[in-house]
Protein backbone atom coordinates (compact mmCIF):
# COMPACT_ATOMS: atom_id res chain seq x y z
CA MET A 1 0.00 0.00 0.00
CA THR A 2 1.19 3.52 -0.80
CA THR A 3 -0.05 7.02 -0.06
CA ARG A 4 1.12 8.36 -3.42
CA PRO A 5 -1.99 9.12 -5.50
CA ILE A 6 -3.04 7.68 -8.83
CA LEU A 7 -4.75 9.59 -11.64
CA ALA A 8 -7.37 7.53 -13.49
CA ILE A 9 -9.42 8.47 -16.56
CA ASN A 10 -12.38 6.92 -18.37
CA GLY A 11 -13.24 8.29 -21.81
CA THR A 12 -14.88 5.26 -23.41
CA GLU A 13 -18.49 6.48 -23.15
CA GLU A 14 -20.41 9.76 -23.10
CA LEU A 15 -19.44 10.53 -19.49
CA LEU A 16 -15.79 11.61 -19.32
CA GLN A 17 -14.49 10.72 -15.84
CA VAL A 18 -11.35 11.85 -14.02
CA VAL A 19 -10.49 10.56 -10.54
CA ILE A 20 -7.51 10.96 -8.23
CA GLY A 21 -6.92 8.91 -5.12
CA THR A 22 -4.88 6.38 -3.19
CA ASP A 23 -5.37 2.70 -2.42
CA THR A 24 -7.73 3.65 0.39
CA THR A 25 -9.16 7.10 -0.38
CA LEU A 26 -10.93 8.81 -3.28
CA LEU A 27 -9.54 12.35 -3.17
CA PHE A 28 -11.12 13.91 -6.28
CA CYS A 29 -13.65 12.95 -8.92
CA SER A 30 -15.13 14.86 -11.82
CA GLY A 31 -17.38 13.94 -14.72
CA ILE A 32 -18.64 15.78 -17.78
CA ASN A 33 -21.28 14.39 -20.12
CA GLY A 34 -19.88 15.69 -23.38
CA PRO A 35 -19.73 13.14 -26.20
CA GLY A 36 -17.20 14.19 -28.82
CA ARG A 37 -15.68 16.88 -26.57
CA THR A 38 -13.04 14.88 -24.73
CA MET A 39 -10.18 16.95 -26.15
CA ARG A 40 -11.78 20.18 -24.92
CA HIS A 41 -12.46 19.03 -21.36
CA LEU A 42 -9.86 16.43 -20.40
CA LEU A 43 -6.81 18.55 -19.55
CA PRO A 44 -8.83 21.21 -17.66
CA MET A 45 -10.44 18.44 -15.57
CA ILE A 46 -7.04 16.93 -14.74
CA ASP A 47 -5.60 20.34 -13.92
CA GLU A 48 -8.57 21.13 -11.65
CA GLY A 49 -8.10 17.92 -9.70
CA LEU A 50 -4.37 18.31 -9.21
CA SER A 51 -4.74 22.00 -8.28
CA ARG A 52 -7.44 21.34 -5.69
CA LEU A 53 -5.22 18.76 -4.03
CA GLY A 54 -2.08 20.87 -4.23
CA LEU A 55 -0.37 18.25 -6.39
CA ASN A 56 1.88 18.20 -9.41
CA LEU A 57 1.58 15.40 -11.93
CA ALA A 58 5.00 14.11 -10.87
CA ASP A 59 3.56 13.48 -7.38
CA CYS A 60 1.39 10.69 -8.81
CA ARG A 61 2.42 7.04 -8.66
CA GLY A 62 0.80 6.31 -12.00
CA ILE A 63 -1.75 7.35 -14.62
CA ALA A 64 -4.36 4.80 -15.70
CA CYS A 65 -7.11 4.95 -18.30
CA THR A 66 -9.68 2.72 -19.93
CA ARG A 67 -8.42 1.59 -23.34
CA GLY A 68 -11.72 0.41 -24.79
CA PRO A 69 -13.88 -0.76 -26.28
CA GLY A 70 -15.91 2.40 -26.70
CA SER A 71 -15.80 5.80 -28.34
CA PHE A 72 -12.99 5.88 -30.90
CA THR A 73 -12.39 9.60 -30.34
CA GLY A 74 -12.50 9.32 -26.56
CA ILE A 75 -10.09 6.39 -26.51
CA ARG A 76 -7.61 8.04 -28.90
CA VAL A 77 -7.62 11.37 -27.08
CA VAL A 78 -7.21 9.85 -23.62
CA LEU A 79 -4.45 7.43 -24.66
CA ALA A 80 -2.53 10.16 -26.49
CA THR A 81 -2.93 12.50 -23.52
CA ILE A 82 -1.66 10.10 -20.87
CA GLU A 83 1.26 9.03 -23.05
CA GLY A 84 2.27 12.67 -23.52
CA MET A 85 1.91 13.33 -19.80
CA SER A 86 3.99 10.25 -19.02
CA ARG A 87 6.81 11.29 -21.32
CA ALA A 88 6.84 14.81 -19.90
CA SER A 89 6.68 13.83 -16.22
CA GLY A 90 8.19 10.36 -16.05
CA VAL A 91 5.03 9.01 -14.40
CA PRO A 92 4.23 5.48 -15.69
CA ILE A 93 0.89 4.53 -17.25
CA ALA A 94 -1.54 1.59 -17.40
CA GLY A 95 -4.53 0.57 -19.52
CA LEU A 96 -7.81 -0.88 -18.23
CA ASP A 97 -10.17 -3.09 -20.23
CA TYR A 98 -13.54 -1.40 -19.88
CA LEU A 99 -16.08 -4.25 -20.06
CA PRO A 100 -14.74 -6.37 -17.16
CA LEU A 101 -14.26 -3.18 -15.16
CA LEU A 102 -17.90 -2.22 -15.71
CA ALA A 103 -19.15 -5.73 -14.96
CA GLY A 104 -17.23 -5.85 -11.69
CA ASP A 105 -18.89 -2.59 -10.66
CA LEU A 106 -22.48 -2.93 -11.91
CA MET A 107 -22.84 -6.63 -11.15
CA ALA A 108 -20.64 -7.17 -8.09
CA HIS A 109 -23.44 -8.70 -5.98
CA TRP A 110 -24.75 -11.07 -8.67
CA HIS A 111 -23.99 -14.77 -8.39
CA GLY A 112 -24.05 -16.44 -11.78
CA GLU A 113 -23.83 -15.38 -15.40
CA ALA A 114 -23.82 -11.68 -16.33
CA TRP A 115 -23.39 -9.83 -19.61
CA VAL A 116 -22.28 -6.25 -20.17
CA LEU A 117 -23.48 -4.50 -23.33
CA THR A 118 -22.23 -1.00 -24.13
CA TYR A 119 -23.17 1.32 -26.98
CA ALA A 120 -20.97 0.96 -30.08
CA ARG A 121 -22.93 2.82 -32.76
CA LYS A 122 -26.38 2.64 -34.37
CA ASN A 123 -27.69 -0.94 -34.16
CA GLN A 124 -24.45 -2.23 -32.66
CA VAL A 125 -23.13 -2.99 -29.18
CA TYR A 126 -19.97 -4.23 -27.53
CA MET A 127 -20.65 -7.20 -25.29
CA GLN A 128 -18.91 -9.68 -23.03
CA GLY A 129 -20.11 -12.29 -20.57
CA PHE A 130 -18.77 -13.02 -17.10
CA SER A 131 -19.21 -15.44 -14.23
CA MET A 132 -19.99 -13.35 -11.18
CA PRO A 133 -19.01 -12.32 -8.60
CA GLU A 134 -15.48 -13.33 -9.64
CA THR A 135 -15.80 -11.43 -12.98
CA THR A 136 -14.33 -14.42 -14.82
CA PRO A 137 -14.72 -13.88 -18.60
CA LEU A 138 -16.91 -16.41 -20.41
CA GLY A 139 -15.26 -15.47 -23.69
CA PRO A 140 -13.68 -12.52 -25.49
CA ALA A 141 -15.33 -9.13 -25.90
CA ARG A 142 -17.00 -8.65 -29.27
CA ALA A 143 -18.93 -6.16 -31.37
CA CYS A 144 -22.29 -7.35 -32.68
CA SER A 145 -25.70 -6.17 -33.85
CA HIS A 146 -28.66 -5.77 -31.52
CA ASP A 147 -30.30 -8.87 -32.99
CA GLN A 148 -27.14 -10.95 -32.57
CA ALA A 149 -26.80 -9.80 -28.96
CA ALA A 150 -30.44 -10.59 -28.16
CA ASP A 151 -30.20 -14.01 -29.80
CA MET A 152 -27.10 -14.86 -27.76
CA LEU A 153 -28.68 -13.74 -24.49
CA CYS A 154 -31.95 -15.60 -25.10
CA ALA A 155 -29.98 -18.78 -25.75
CA ARG A 156 -28.17 -18.70 -22.40
CA PRO A 157 -29.25 -21.33 -19.86
CA GLY A 158 -30.45 -20.29 -16.43
CA LYS A 159 -30.76 -16.81 -14.97
CA VAL A 160 -28.73 -14.02 -16.56
CA LEU A 161 -28.09 -10.42 -15.48
CA VAL A 162 -27.57 -7.88 -18.27
CA GLY A 163 -26.64 -4.21 -18.14
CA GLY A 164 -24.78 -1.31 -19.67
CA SER A 165 -25.43 1.59 -22.04
CA GLY A 166 -26.09 -0.83 -24.90
CA ILE A 167 -29.23 -1.86 -23.02
CA THR A 168 -30.36 1.53 -21.72
CA LYS A 169 -29.88 3.32 -25.05
CA ASN A 170 -31.96 0.65 -26.77
CA GLN A 171 -34.41 -0.06 -23.96
CA THR A 172 -37.51 -0.62 -26.10
CA PHE A 173 -35.79 -3.14 -28.36
CA PHE A 174 -34.17 -5.16 -25.58
CA ASN A 175 -37.24 -5.05 -23.32
CA ALA A 176 -39.19 -6.70 -26.12
CA ARG A 177 -36.53 -9.22 -27.13
CA LEU A 178 -35.46 -10.13 -23.59
CA ALA A 179 -38.96 -10.43 -22.10
CA SER A 180 -38.07 -13.48 -20.04
CA SER A 181 -38.25 -14.06 -16.31
CA ALA A 182 -34.77 -15.60 -16.55
CA ILE A 183 -33.18 -12.34 -17.75
CA HIS A 184 -32.70 -9.55 -15.22
CA MET A 185 -31.67 -5.93 -15.87
CA ALA A 186 -28.96 -4.11 -13.90
CA GLN A 187 -30.18 -0.93 -12.20
CA ARG A 188 -27.50 1.44 -13.53
CA ASP A 189 -25.08 1.71 -16.45
CA VAL A 190 -22.40 4.21 -15.35
CA LEU A 191 -19.02 3.20 -13.94
CA SER A 192 -18.53 4.52 -10.40
CA SER A 193 -15.55 6.68 -9.48
CA HIS A 194 -14.60 4.27 -6.71
CA ALA A 195 -14.54 1.31 -9.11
CA LEU A 196 -12.36 3.21 -11.58
CA LEU A 197 -9.89 4.19 -8.86
CA SER A 198 -9.85 0.73 -7.28
CA ALA A 199 -9.03 -0.94 -10.60
CA ALA A 200 -6.32 1.63 -11.37
CA CYS A 201 -4.65 1.06 -8.00
CA LYS A 202 -4.26 -2.66 -8.76
CA GLU A 203 -2.50 -2.15 -12.09
CA ASP A 204 1.15 -2.65 -12.93
CA PHE A 205 2.35 0.58 -14.51
CA THR A 206 4.69 0.86 -17.47
CA ARG A 207 6.38 3.43 -19.68
CA GLU A 208 5.35 1.55 -22.82
CA SER A 209 2.50 2.75 -25.05
CA ILE A 210 -0.95 1.39 -24.22
CA PRO A 211 -2.68 -0.24 -27.22
CA PRO A 212 -6.34 0.68 -27.80
CA LEU A 213 -9.05 -1.98 -27.81
CA TYR A 214 -11.38 -1.11 -30.69
CA LEU A 215 -13.04 -4.46 -31.72
CA ARG A 216 -14.53 -3.04 -34.92
CA ALA A 217 -13.62 -0.90 -37.91
CA SER A 218 -14.12 2.83 -37.51
CA ASP A 219 -16.89 4.65 -39.39
CA ALA A 220 -14.21 6.18 -41.63
CA GLU A 221 -12.85 2.72 -42.53
CA ASP A 222 -16.34 1.44 -43.30
CA ASN A 223 -16.90 4.42 -45.62
CA LEU A 224 -13.37 4.49 -47.01
CA ALA A 225 -14.39 4.02 -50.66
CA ALA A 226 -16.69 7.06 -50.58
CA ILE A 227 -14.09 9.16 -48.74
CA ALA A 228 -11.40 8.19 -51.27
CA ARG A 229 -13.63 9.20 -54.19
CA LYS A 230 -14.33 12.60 -52.64
CA ARG A 231 -10.61 13.21 -52.16
CA GLY A 232 -9.72 12.00 -55.63
CA ILE A 233 -7.44 9.17 -54.54
CA SER A 234 -7.57 5.43 -55.11
CA LEU A 235 -8.97 3.05 -52.52
CA ASP A 236 -5.58 1.31 -52.23
CA ASP A 237 -3.88 4.66 -51.55
CA ALA A 238 -6.50 5.48 -48.92
CA ARG A 239 -5.96 2.13 -47.19
CA GLN A 240 -2.20 2.73 -47.03
CA ARG A 241 -2.79 6.02 -45.22
CA ILE A 242 -4.65 4.37 -42.34
CA PRO A 243 -2.26 3.83 -39.39
CA SER A 244 -1.89 0.23 -38.28
CA GLN A 245 -3.24 -0.61 -34.80
CA GLU A 246 -1.00 -3.68 -34.42
């Protein structure tokens, strides 16, 4: 245990979250619901937290952030920001997989099978199943359509708990498709500040870059042919200009 604080950030969904704390104490938390405005708000939120606590970034033991899956813009901005901060301050960094983190928070008191579904884009969700309360993955995270997700959940044996923004943003659809007494809905879909801090405090920090976890092609990649035509370049040339995520 250490009293040196950790800075933790979640930018995977609409609510941008910044927390600062130690292994035992949440010292600062802030959240702004601003989809697509992570770049505008992130650094001021971090600066506010450090200033209120009378800290410099170099006083922190580490900087952690969720690496996905979720908002492409939010993930890119947060990862680039913490890497830049790490290089400037020497403070190491860590990446957190979002779906198991959310499951461990929303579904901590459930005993049995649970599935987290978060919003990906229109008619698509990210989803992953877990055995609770240990949060043991039942398989890898995936991106799938609403119908695919509903079919998978309806085929599960026994009682299942489901939750996340993928459910709440598509409540009418999933209420109709999952109208079974064996399927239960979690009461909330937002990661708590305490859960974010607790997970960050357990991480091993590094000075290596943190890879994003995207799971699907971006909207730009899906529409690459149309974008290439508008810019007057070939599709092959456009593909070569896309940075590799490997």
